[in-house]
Amino acid sequence: MRARTLRSSLLKRIVFDDDAGTLLVSFRSGLRYIYEGVPRTIYDALGKAGSAGQFFNEHVKGRYACRPDPTRKRYRPVAD
């Protein structure tokens, strides 16, 4: 696995799993999504992009199947 923390107003961190060909994207909002079938070249280019958010929107979003990260813990208030 490879990981990078980004300096972006949209994206916080990206993690690439070479074996699975998946890209985990952590957004500044706290959401995390796994994108499937992403080539390593996309991960490398995203990590080097001058604007990671723009690169993500143009080359990842809507181009690869994605799902919410099932390991993300959600903290919600307990109803009384």
PDB file of N, CA and C in Angstrom:
ATOM      1  N   MET A   1       0.846  -1.184   0.000  1.00  0.00           N
ATOM      2  CA  MET A   1       0.000   0.000   0.000  1.00  0.00           C
ATOM      3  C   MET A   1       0.884   1.237   0.000  1.00  0.00           C
ATOM      4  N   ARG A   2       0.381   2.238  -0.644  1.00  0.00           N
ATOM      5  CA  ARG A   2       1.073   3.528  -0.713  1.00  0.00           C
ATOM      6  C   ARG A   2       0.106   4.591  -0.236  1.00  0.00           C
ATOM      7  N   ALA A   3       0.620   5.581   0.483  1.00  0.00           N
ATOM      8  CA  ALA A   3      -0.257   6.630   1.012  1.00  0.00           C
ATOM      9  C   ALA A   3       0.417   7.987   0.898  1.00  0.00           C
ATOM     10  N   ARG A   4      -0.410   8.999   0.699  1.00  0.00           N
ATOM     11  CA  ARG A   4       0.078  10.383   0.644  1.00  0.00           C
ATOM     12  C   ARG A   4      -0.936  11.302   1.313  1.00  0.00           C
ATOM     13  N   THR A   5      -0.419  12.228   2.090  1.00  0.00           N
ATOM     14  CA  THR A   5      -1.243  13.305   2.626  1.00  0.00           C
ATOM     15  C   THR A   5      -1.128  14.459   1.634  1.00  0.00           C
ATOM     16  N   LEU A   6      -2.255  15.060   1.304  1.00  0.00           N
ATOM     17  CA  LEU A   6      -2.276  16.105   0.280  1.00  0.00           C
ATOM     18  C   LEU A   6      -2.510  17.481   0.872  1.00  0.00           C
ATOM     19  N   ARG A   7      -1.996  18.466   0.192  1.00  0.00           N
ATOM     20  CA  ARG A   7      -2.281  19.870   0.526  1.00  0.00           C
ATOM     21  C   ARG A   7      -3.359  20.331  -0.449  1.00  0.00           C
ATOM     22  N   SER A   8      -4.580  20.097  -0.066  1.00  0.00           N
ATOM     23  CA  SER A   8      -5.720  20.383  -0.931  1.00  0.00           C
ATOM     24  C   SER A   8      -6.883  20.821  -0.067  1.00  0.00           C
ATOM     25  N   SER A   9      -7.696  21.707  -0.599  1.00  0.00           N
ATOM     26  CA  SER A   9      -8.879  22.132   0.151  1.00  0.00           C
ATOM     27  C   SER A   9      -9.982  21.077   0.066  1.00  0.00           C
ATOM     28  N   LEU A  10      -9.892  20.143  -0.878  1.00  0.00           N
ATOM     29  CA  LEU A  10     -10.900  19.098  -1.065  1.00  0.00           C
ATOM     30  C   LEU A  10     -10.470  17.752  -0.486  1.00  0.00           C
ATOM     31  N   LEU A  11      -9.239  17.361  -0.783  1.00  0.00           N
ATOM     32  CA  LEU A  11      -8.747  16.034  -0.423  1.00  0.00           C
ATOM     33  C   LEU A  11      -7.742  16.099   0.719  1.00  0.00           C
ATOM     34  N   LYS A  12      -7.857  15.150   1.629  1.00  0.00           N
ATOM     35  CA  LYS A  12      -6.947  15.104   2.773  1.00  0.00           C
ATOM     36  C   LYS A  12      -5.829  14.084   2.569  1.00  0.00           C
ATOM     37  N   ARG A  13      -6.220  12.878   2.135  1.00  0.00           N
ATOM     38  CA  ARG A  13      -5.257  11.782   2.036  1.00  0.00           C
ATOM     39  C   ARG A  13      -5.711  10.801   0.966  1.00  0.00           C
ATOM     40  N   ILE A  14      -4.738  10.182   0.304  1.00  0.00           N
ATOM     41  CA  ILE A  14      -5.038   9.135  -0.662  1.00  0.00           C
ATOM     42  C   ILE A  14      -4.186   7.909  -0.324  1.00  0.00           C
ATOM     43  N   VAL A  15      -4.777   6.747  -0.495  1.00  0.00           N
ATOM     44  CA  VAL A  15      -4.085   5.480  -0.235  1.00  0.00           C
ATOM     45  C   VAL A  15      -4.357   4.575  -1.424  1.00  0.00           C
ATOM     46  N   PHE A  16      -3.287   3.995  -1.976  1.00  0.00           N
ATOM     47  CA  PHE A  16      -3.432   3.104  -3.122  1.00  0.00           C
ATOM     48  C   PHE A  16      -3.033   1.696  -2.727  1.00  0.00           C
ATOM     49  N   ASP A  17      -3.906   0.738  -3.035  1.00  0.00           N
ATOM     50  CA  ASP A  17      -3.639  -0.682  -2.784  1.00  0.00           C
ATOM     51  C   ASP A  17      -3.280  -1.319  -4.124  1.00  0.00           C
ATOM     52  N   ASP A  18      -1.990  -1.612  -4.307  1.00  0.00           N
ATOM     53  CA  ASP A  18      -1.516  -2.194  -5.568  1.00  0.00           C
ATOM     54  C   ASP A  18      -2.188  -3.525  -5.877  1.00  0.00           C
ATOM     55  N   ASP A  19      -2.348  -4.364  -4.865  1.00  0.00           N
ATOM     56  CA  ASP A  19      -2.916  -5.697  -5.084  1.00  0.00           C
ATOM     57  C   ASP A  19      -4.375  -5.636  -5.529  1.00  0.00           C
ATOM     58  N   ALA A  20      -5.144  -4.762  -4.911  1.00  0.00           N
ATOM     59  CA  ALA A  20      -6.575  -4.666  -5.213  1.00  0.00           C
ATOM     60  C   ALA A  20      -6.881  -3.676  -6.337  1.00  0.00           C
ATOM     61  N   GLY A  21      -5.919  -2.792  -6.642  1.00  0.00           N
ATOM     62  CA  GLY A  21      -6.165  -1.770  -7.653  1.00  0.00           C
ATOM     63  C   GLY A  21      -7.210  -0.763  -7.202  1.00  0.00           C
ATOM     64  N   THR A  22      -7.191  -0.464  -5.894  1.00  0.00           N
ATOM     65  CA  THR A  22      -8.166   0.481  -5.355  1.00  0.00           C
ATOM     66  C   THR A  22      -7.484   1.735  -4.834  1.00  0.00           C
ATOM     67  N   LEU A  23      -8.216   2.820  -4.909  1.00  0.00           N
ATOM     68  CA  LEU A  23      -7.761   4.110  -4.417  1.00  0.00           C
ATOM     69  C   LEU A  23      -8.724   4.566  -3.327  1.00  0.00           C
ATOM     70  N   LEU A  24      -8.224   4.719  -2.116  1.00  0.00           N
ATOM     71  CA  LEU A  24      -9.021   5.245  -1.012  1.00  0.00           C
ATOM     72  C   LEU A  24      -8.788   6.747  -0.957  1.00  0.00           C
ATOM     73  N   VAL A  25      -9.855   7.507  -1.009  1.00  0.00           N
ATOM     74  CA  VAL A  25      -9.766   8.958  -0.957  1.00  0.00           C
ATOM     75  C   VAL A  25     -10.449   9.446   0.309  1.00  0.00           C
ATOM     76  N   SER A  26      -9.684  10.160   1.131  1.00  0.00           N
ATOM     77  CA  SER A  26     -10.236  10.790   2.340  1.00  0.00           C
ATOM     78  C   SER A  26     -10.431  12.265   2.030  1.00  0.00           C
ATOM     79  N   PHE A  27     -11.657  12.725   2.176  1.00  0.00           N
ATOM     80  CA  PHE A  27     -11.983  14.115   1.891  1.00  0.00           C
ATOM     81  C   PHE A  27     -11.870  14.951   3.163  1.00  0.00           C
ATOM     82  N   ARG A  28     -11.641  16.226   3.012  1.00  0.00           N
ATOM     83  CA  ARG A  28     -11.558  17.141   4.156  1.00  0.00           C
ATOM     84  C   ARG A  28     -12.865  17.158   4.942  1.00  0.00           C
ATOM     85  N   SER A  29     -13.961  16.841   4.292  1.00  0.00           N
ATOM     86  CA  SER A  29     -15.276  16.825   4.946  1.00  0.00           C
ATOM     87  C   SER A  29     -15.416  15.663   5.929  1.00  0.00           C
ATOM     88  N   GLY A  30     -14.478  14.696   5.850  1.00  0.00           N
ATOM     89  CA  GLY A  30     -14.556  13.522   6.706  1.00  0.00           C
ATOM     90  C   GLY A  30     -15.041  12.284   5.983  1.00  0.00           C
ATOM     91  N   LEU A  31     -15.580  12.440   4.796  1.00  0.00           N
ATOM     92  CA  LEU A  31     -16.039  11.293   4.015  1.00  0.00           C
ATOM     93  C   LEU A  31     -14.850  10.541   3.434  1.00  0.00           C
ATOM     94  N   ARG A  32     -15.004   9.237   3.269  1.00  0.00           N
ATOM     95  CA  ARG A  32     -13.961   8.404   2.667  1.00  0.00           C
ATOM     96  C   ARG A  32     -14.610   7.454   1.675  1.00  0.00           C
ATOM     97  N   TYR A  33     -14.046   7.402   0.474  1.00  0.00           N
ATOM     98  CA  TYR A  33     -14.570   6.536  -0.572  1.00  0.00           C
ATOM     99  C   TYR A  33     -13.457   5.698  -1.168  1.00  0.00           C
ATOM    100  N   ILE A  34     -13.819   4.488  -1.596  1.00  0.00           N
ATOM    101  CA  ILE A  34     -12.903   3.589  -2.267  1.00  0.00           C
ATOM    102  C   ILE A  34     -13.286   3.549  -3.738  1.00  0.00           C
ATOM    103  N   TYR A  35     -12.320   3.835  -4.606  1.00  0.00           N
ATOM    104  CA  TYR A  35     -12.511   3.809  -6.050  1.00  0.00           C
ATOM    105  C   TYR A  35     -11.827   2.560  -6.593  1.00  0.00           C
ATOM    106  N   GLU A  36     -12.545   1.785  -7.399  1.00  0.00           N
ATOM    107  CA  GLU A  36     -12.059   0.494  -7.869  1.00  0.00           C
ATOM    108  C   GLU A  36     -11.557   0.552  -9.303  1.00  0.00           C
ATOM    109  N   GLY A  37     -10.528  -0.285  -9.589  1.00  0.00           N
ATOM    110  CA  GLY A  37      -9.986  -0.379 -10.944  1.00  0.00           C
ATOM    111  C   GLY A  37      -9.144   0.810 -11.349  1.00  0.00           C
ATOM    112  N   VAL A  38      -8.614   1.529 -10.387  1.00  0.00           N
ATOM    113  CA  VAL A  38      -7.820   2.733 -10.663  1.00  0.00           C
ATOM    114  C   VAL A  38      -6.372   2.327 -10.953  1.00  0.00           C
ATOM    115  N   PRO A  39      -5.801   2.764 -12.068  1.00  0.00           N
ATOM    116  CA  PRO A  39      -4.405   2.444 -12.354  1.00  0.00           C
ATOM    117  C   PRO A  39      -3.455   3.195 -11.410  1.00  0.00           C
ATOM    118  N   ARG A  40      -2.323   2.610 -11.165  1.00  0.00           N
ATOM    119  CA  ARG A  40      -1.312   3.244 -10.300  1.00  0.00           C
ATOM    120  C   ARG A  40      -0.888   4.599 -10.857  1.00  0.00           C
ATOM    121  N   THR A  41      -0.896   4.746 -12.164  1.00  0.00           N
ATOM    122  CA  THR A  41      -0.492   6.016 -12.774  1.00  0.00           C
ATOM    123  C   THR A  41      -1.416   7.161 -12.346  1.00  0.00           C
ATOM    124  N   ILE A  42      -2.684   6.862 -12.133  1.00  0.00           N
ATOM    125  CA  ILE A  42      -3.634   7.882 -11.674  1.00  0.00           C
ATOM    126  C   ILE A  42      -3.290   8.299 -10.242  1.00  0.00           C
ATOM    127  N   TYR A  43      -3.000   7.323  -9.385  1.00  0.00           N
ATOM    128  CA  TYR A  43      -2.590   7.632  -8.009  1.00  0.00           C
ATOM    129  C   TYR A  43      -1.337   8.512  -8.012  1.00  0.00           C
ATOM    130  N   ASP A  44      -0.335   8.139  -8.793  1.00  0.00           N
ATOM    131  CA  ASP A  44       0.909   8.914  -8.858  1.00  0.00           C
ATOM    132  C   ASP A  44       0.648  10.338  -9.339  1.00  0.00           C
ATOM    133  N   ALA A  45      -0.136  10.475 -10.397  1.00  0.00           N
ATOM    134  CA  ALA A  45      -0.423  11.795 -10.955  1.00  0.00           C
ATOM    135  C   ALA A  45      -1.250  12.636  -9.983  1.00  0.00           C
ATOM    136  N   LEU A  46      -2.189  12.025  -9.281  1.00  0.00           N
ATOM    137  CA  LEU A  46      -2.997  12.742  -8.300  1.00  0.00           C
ATOM    138  C   LEU A  46      -2.114  13.294  -7.183  1.00  0.00           C
ATOM    139  N   GLY A  47      -1.163  12.490  -6.736  1.00  0.00           N
ATOM    140  CA  GLY A  47      -0.263  12.919  -5.673  1.00  0.00           C
ATOM    141  C   GLY A  47       0.665  14.044  -6.085  1.00  0.00           C
ATOM    142  N   LYS A  48       0.933  14.173  -7.383  1.00  0.00           N
ATOM    143  CA  LYS A  48       1.852  15.201  -7.890  1.00  0.00           C
ATOM    144  C   LYS A  48       1.139  16.401  -8.492  1.00  0.00           C
ATOM    145  N   ALA A  49      -0.164  16.335  -8.609  1.00  0.00           N
ATOM    146  CA  ALA A  49      -0.927  17.389  -9.292  1.00  0.00           C
ATOM    147  C   ALA A  49      -0.819  18.724  -8.571  1.00  0.00           C
ATOM    148  N   GLY A  50      -0.748  19.788  -9.346  1.00  0.00           N
ATOM    149  CA  GLY A  50      -0.728  21.134  -8.780  1.00  0.00           C
ATOM    150  C   GLY A  50      -2.016  21.438  -8.035  1.00  0.00           C
ATOM    151  N   SER A  51      -3.127  20.954  -8.549  1.00  0.00           N
ATOM    152  CA  SER A  51      -4.421  21.064  -7.891  1.00  0.00           C
ATOM    153  C   SER A  51      -5.016  19.665  -7.799  1.00  0.00           C
ATOM    154  N   ALA A  52      -4.863  19.037  -6.631  1.00  0.00           N
ATOM    155  CA  ALA A  52      -5.345  17.674  -6.447  1.00  0.00           C
ATOM    156  C   ALA A  52      -6.859  17.593  -6.636  1.00  0.00           C
ATOM    157  N   GLY A  53      -7.586  18.595  -6.156  1.00  0.00           N
ATOM    158  CA  GLY A  53      -9.037  18.598  -6.295  1.00  0.00           C
ATOM    159  C   GLY A  53      -9.470  18.644  -7.745  1.00  0.00           C
ATOM    160  N   GLN A  54      -8.818  19.487  -8.525  1.00  0.00           N
ATOM    161  CA  GLN A  54      -9.151  19.593  -9.941  1.00  0.00           C
ATOM    162  C   GLN A  54      -8.804  18.294 -10.664  1.00  0.00           C
ATOM    163  N   PHE A  55      -7.639  17.736 -10.372  1.00  0.00           N
ATOM    164  CA  PHE A  55      -7.247  16.476 -10.992  1.00  0.00           C
ATOM    165  C   PHE A  55      -8.248  15.379 -10.635  1.00  0.00           C
ATOM    166  N   PHE A  56      -8.611  15.302  -9.365  1.00  0.00           N
ATOM    167  CA  PHE A  56      -9.589  14.299  -8.923  1.00  0.00           C
ATOM    168  C   PHE A  56     -10.899  14.446  -9.698  1.00  0.00           C
ATOM    169  N   ASN A  57     -11.410  15.657  -9.786  1.00  0.00           N
ATOM    170  CA  ASN A  57     -12.681  15.895 -10.478  1.00  0.00           C
ATOM    171  C   ASN A  57     -12.616  15.542 -11.959  1.00  0.00           C
ATOM    172  N   GLU A  58     -11.460  15.760 -12.593  1.00  0.00           N
ATOM    173  CA  GLU A  58     -11.323  15.509 -14.030  1.00  0.00           C
ATOM    174  C   GLU A  58     -10.972  14.058 -14.373  1.00  0.00           C
ATOM    175  N   HIS A  59     -10.242  13.365 -13.488  1.00  0.00           N
ATOM    176  CA  HIS A  59      -9.703  12.061 -13.851  1.00  0.00           C
ATOM    177  C   HIS A  59     -10.183  10.881 -13.003  1.00  0.00           C
ATOM    178  N   VAL A  60     -10.855  11.154 -11.887  1.00  0.00           N
ATOM    179  CA  VAL A  60     -11.293  10.062 -11.017  1.00  0.00           C
ATOM    180  C   VAL A  60     -12.807  10.070 -10.830  1.00  0.00           C
ATOM    181  N   LYS A  61     -13.336  11.169 -10.367  1.00  0.00           N
ATOM    182  CA  LYS A  61     -14.765  11.276 -10.068  1.00  0.00           C
ATOM    183  C   LYS A  61     -15.605  10.953 -11.306  1.00  0.00           C
ATOM    184  N   GLY A  62     -16.521  10.000 -11.141  1.00  0.00           N
ATOM    185  CA  GLY A  62     -17.406   9.623 -12.231  1.00  0.00           C
ATOM    186  C   GLY A  62     -16.795   8.684 -13.258  1.00  0.00           C
ATOM    187  N   ARG A  63     -15.520   8.372 -13.130  1.00  0.00           N
ATOM    188  CA  ARG A  63     -14.845   7.494 -14.100  1.00  0.00           C
ATOM    189  C   ARG A  63     -14.618   6.084 -13.561  1.00  0.00           C
ATOM    190  N   TYR A  64     -14.621   5.958 -12.243  1.00  0.00           N
ATOM    191  CA  TYR A  64     -14.383   4.661 -11.612  1.00  0.00           C
ATOM    192  C   TYR A  64     -15.512   4.364 -10.634  1.00  0.00           C
ATOM    193  N   ALA A  65     -15.833   3.080 -10.523  1.00  0.00           N
ATOM    194  CA  ALA A  65     -16.852   2.661  -9.557  1.00  0.00           C
ATOM    195  C   ALA A  65     -16.351   3.008  -8.163  1.00  0.00           C
ATOM    196  N   CYS A  66     -17.252   3.500  -7.321  1.00  0.00           N
ATOM    197  CA  CYS A  66     -16.834   3.855  -5.970  1.00  0.00           C
ATOM    198  C   CYS A  66     -17.900   3.429  -4.964  1.00  0.00           C
ATOM    199  N   ARG A  67     -17.430   3.324  -3.721  1.00  0.00           N
ATOM    200  CA  ARG A  67     -18.323   2.974  -2.615  1.00  0.00           C
ATOM    201  C   ARG A  67     -17.774   3.610  -1.353  1.00  0.00           C
ATOM    202  N   PRO A  68     -18.628   3.877  -0.386  1.00  0.00           N
ATOM    203  CA  PRO A  68     -18.143   4.418   0.889  1.00  0.00           C
ATOM    204  C   PRO A  68     -17.206   3.419   1.551  1.00  0.00           C
ATOM    205  N   ASP A  69     -16.218   3.913   2.258  1.00  0.00           N
ATOM    206  CA  ASP A  69     -15.275   3.056   2.975  1.00  0.00           C
ATOM    207  C   ASP A  69     -16.012   2.375   4.120  1.00  0.00           C
ATOM    208  N   PRO A  70     -16.127   1.042   4.104  1.00  0.00           N
ATOM    209  CA  PRO A  70     -16.878   0.347   5.160  1.00  0.00           C
ATOM    210  C   PRO A  70     -16.178   0.367   6.520  1.00  0.00           C
ATOM    211  N   THR A  71     -14.899   0.685   6.555  1.00  0.00           N
ATOM    212  CA  THR A  71     -14.181   0.699   7.832  1.00  0.00           C
ATOM    213  C   THR A  71     -14.289   2.045   8.535  1.00  0.00           C
ATOM    214  N   ARG A  72     -14.863   3.040   7.850  1.00  0.00           N
ATOM    215  CA  ARG A  72     -14.997   4.367   8.461  1.00  0.00           C
ATOM    216  C   ARG A  72     -16.010   4.296   9.596  1.00  0.00           C
ATOM    217  N   LYS A  73     -15.604   4.764  10.744  1.00  0.00           N
ATOM    218  CA  LYS A  73     -16.499   4.765  11.902  1.00  0.00           C
ATOM    219  C   LYS A  73     -17.358   6.017  11.860  1.00  0.00           C
ATOM    220  N   ARG A  74     -18.620   5.824  12.075  1.00  0.00           N
ATOM    221  CA  ARG A  74     -19.546   6.969  12.071  1.00  0.00           C
ATOM    222  C   ARG A  74     -20.013   7.198  13.497  1.00  0.00           C
ATOM    223  N   TYR A  75     -19.851   8.396  13.943  1.00  0.00           N
ATOM    224  CA  TYR A  75     -20.284   8.762  15.298  1.00  0.00           C
ATOM    225  C   TYR A  75     -21.532   9.617  15.171  1.00  0.00           C
ATOM    226  N   ARG A  76     -22.592   9.109  15.718  1.00  0.00           N
ATOM    227  CA  ARG A  76     -23.860   9.838  15.669  1.00  0.00           C
ATOM    228  C   ARG A  76     -24.396   9.978  17.079  1.00  0.00           C
ATOM    229  N   PRO A  77     -25.126  11.050  17.328  1.00  0.00           N
ATOM    230  CA  PRO A  77     -25.715  11.196  18.661  1.00  0.00           C
ATOM    231  C   PRO A  77     -26.734  10.097  18.931  1.00  0.00           C
ATOM    232  N   VAL A  78     -26.823   9.686  20.130  1.00  0.00           N
ATOM    233  CA  VAL A  78     -27.780   8.666  20.518  1.00  0.00           C
ATOM    234  C   VAL A  78     -29.110   9.359  20.825  1.00  0.00           C
ATOM    235  N   ALA A  79     -30.172   8.847  20.228  1.00  0.00           N
ATOM    236  CA  ALA A  79     -31.502   9.440  20.457  1.00  0.00           C
ATOM    237  C   ALA A  79     -31.953   9.117  21.875  1.00  0.00           C
ATOM    238  N   ASP A  80     -32.555  10.088  22.528  1.00  0.00           N
ATOM    239  CA  ASP A  80     -33.081   9.883  23.895  1.00  0.00           C
ATOM    240  C   ASP A  80     -34.446   9.280  23.867  1.00  0.00           C
TER     241      ASP A  80
END
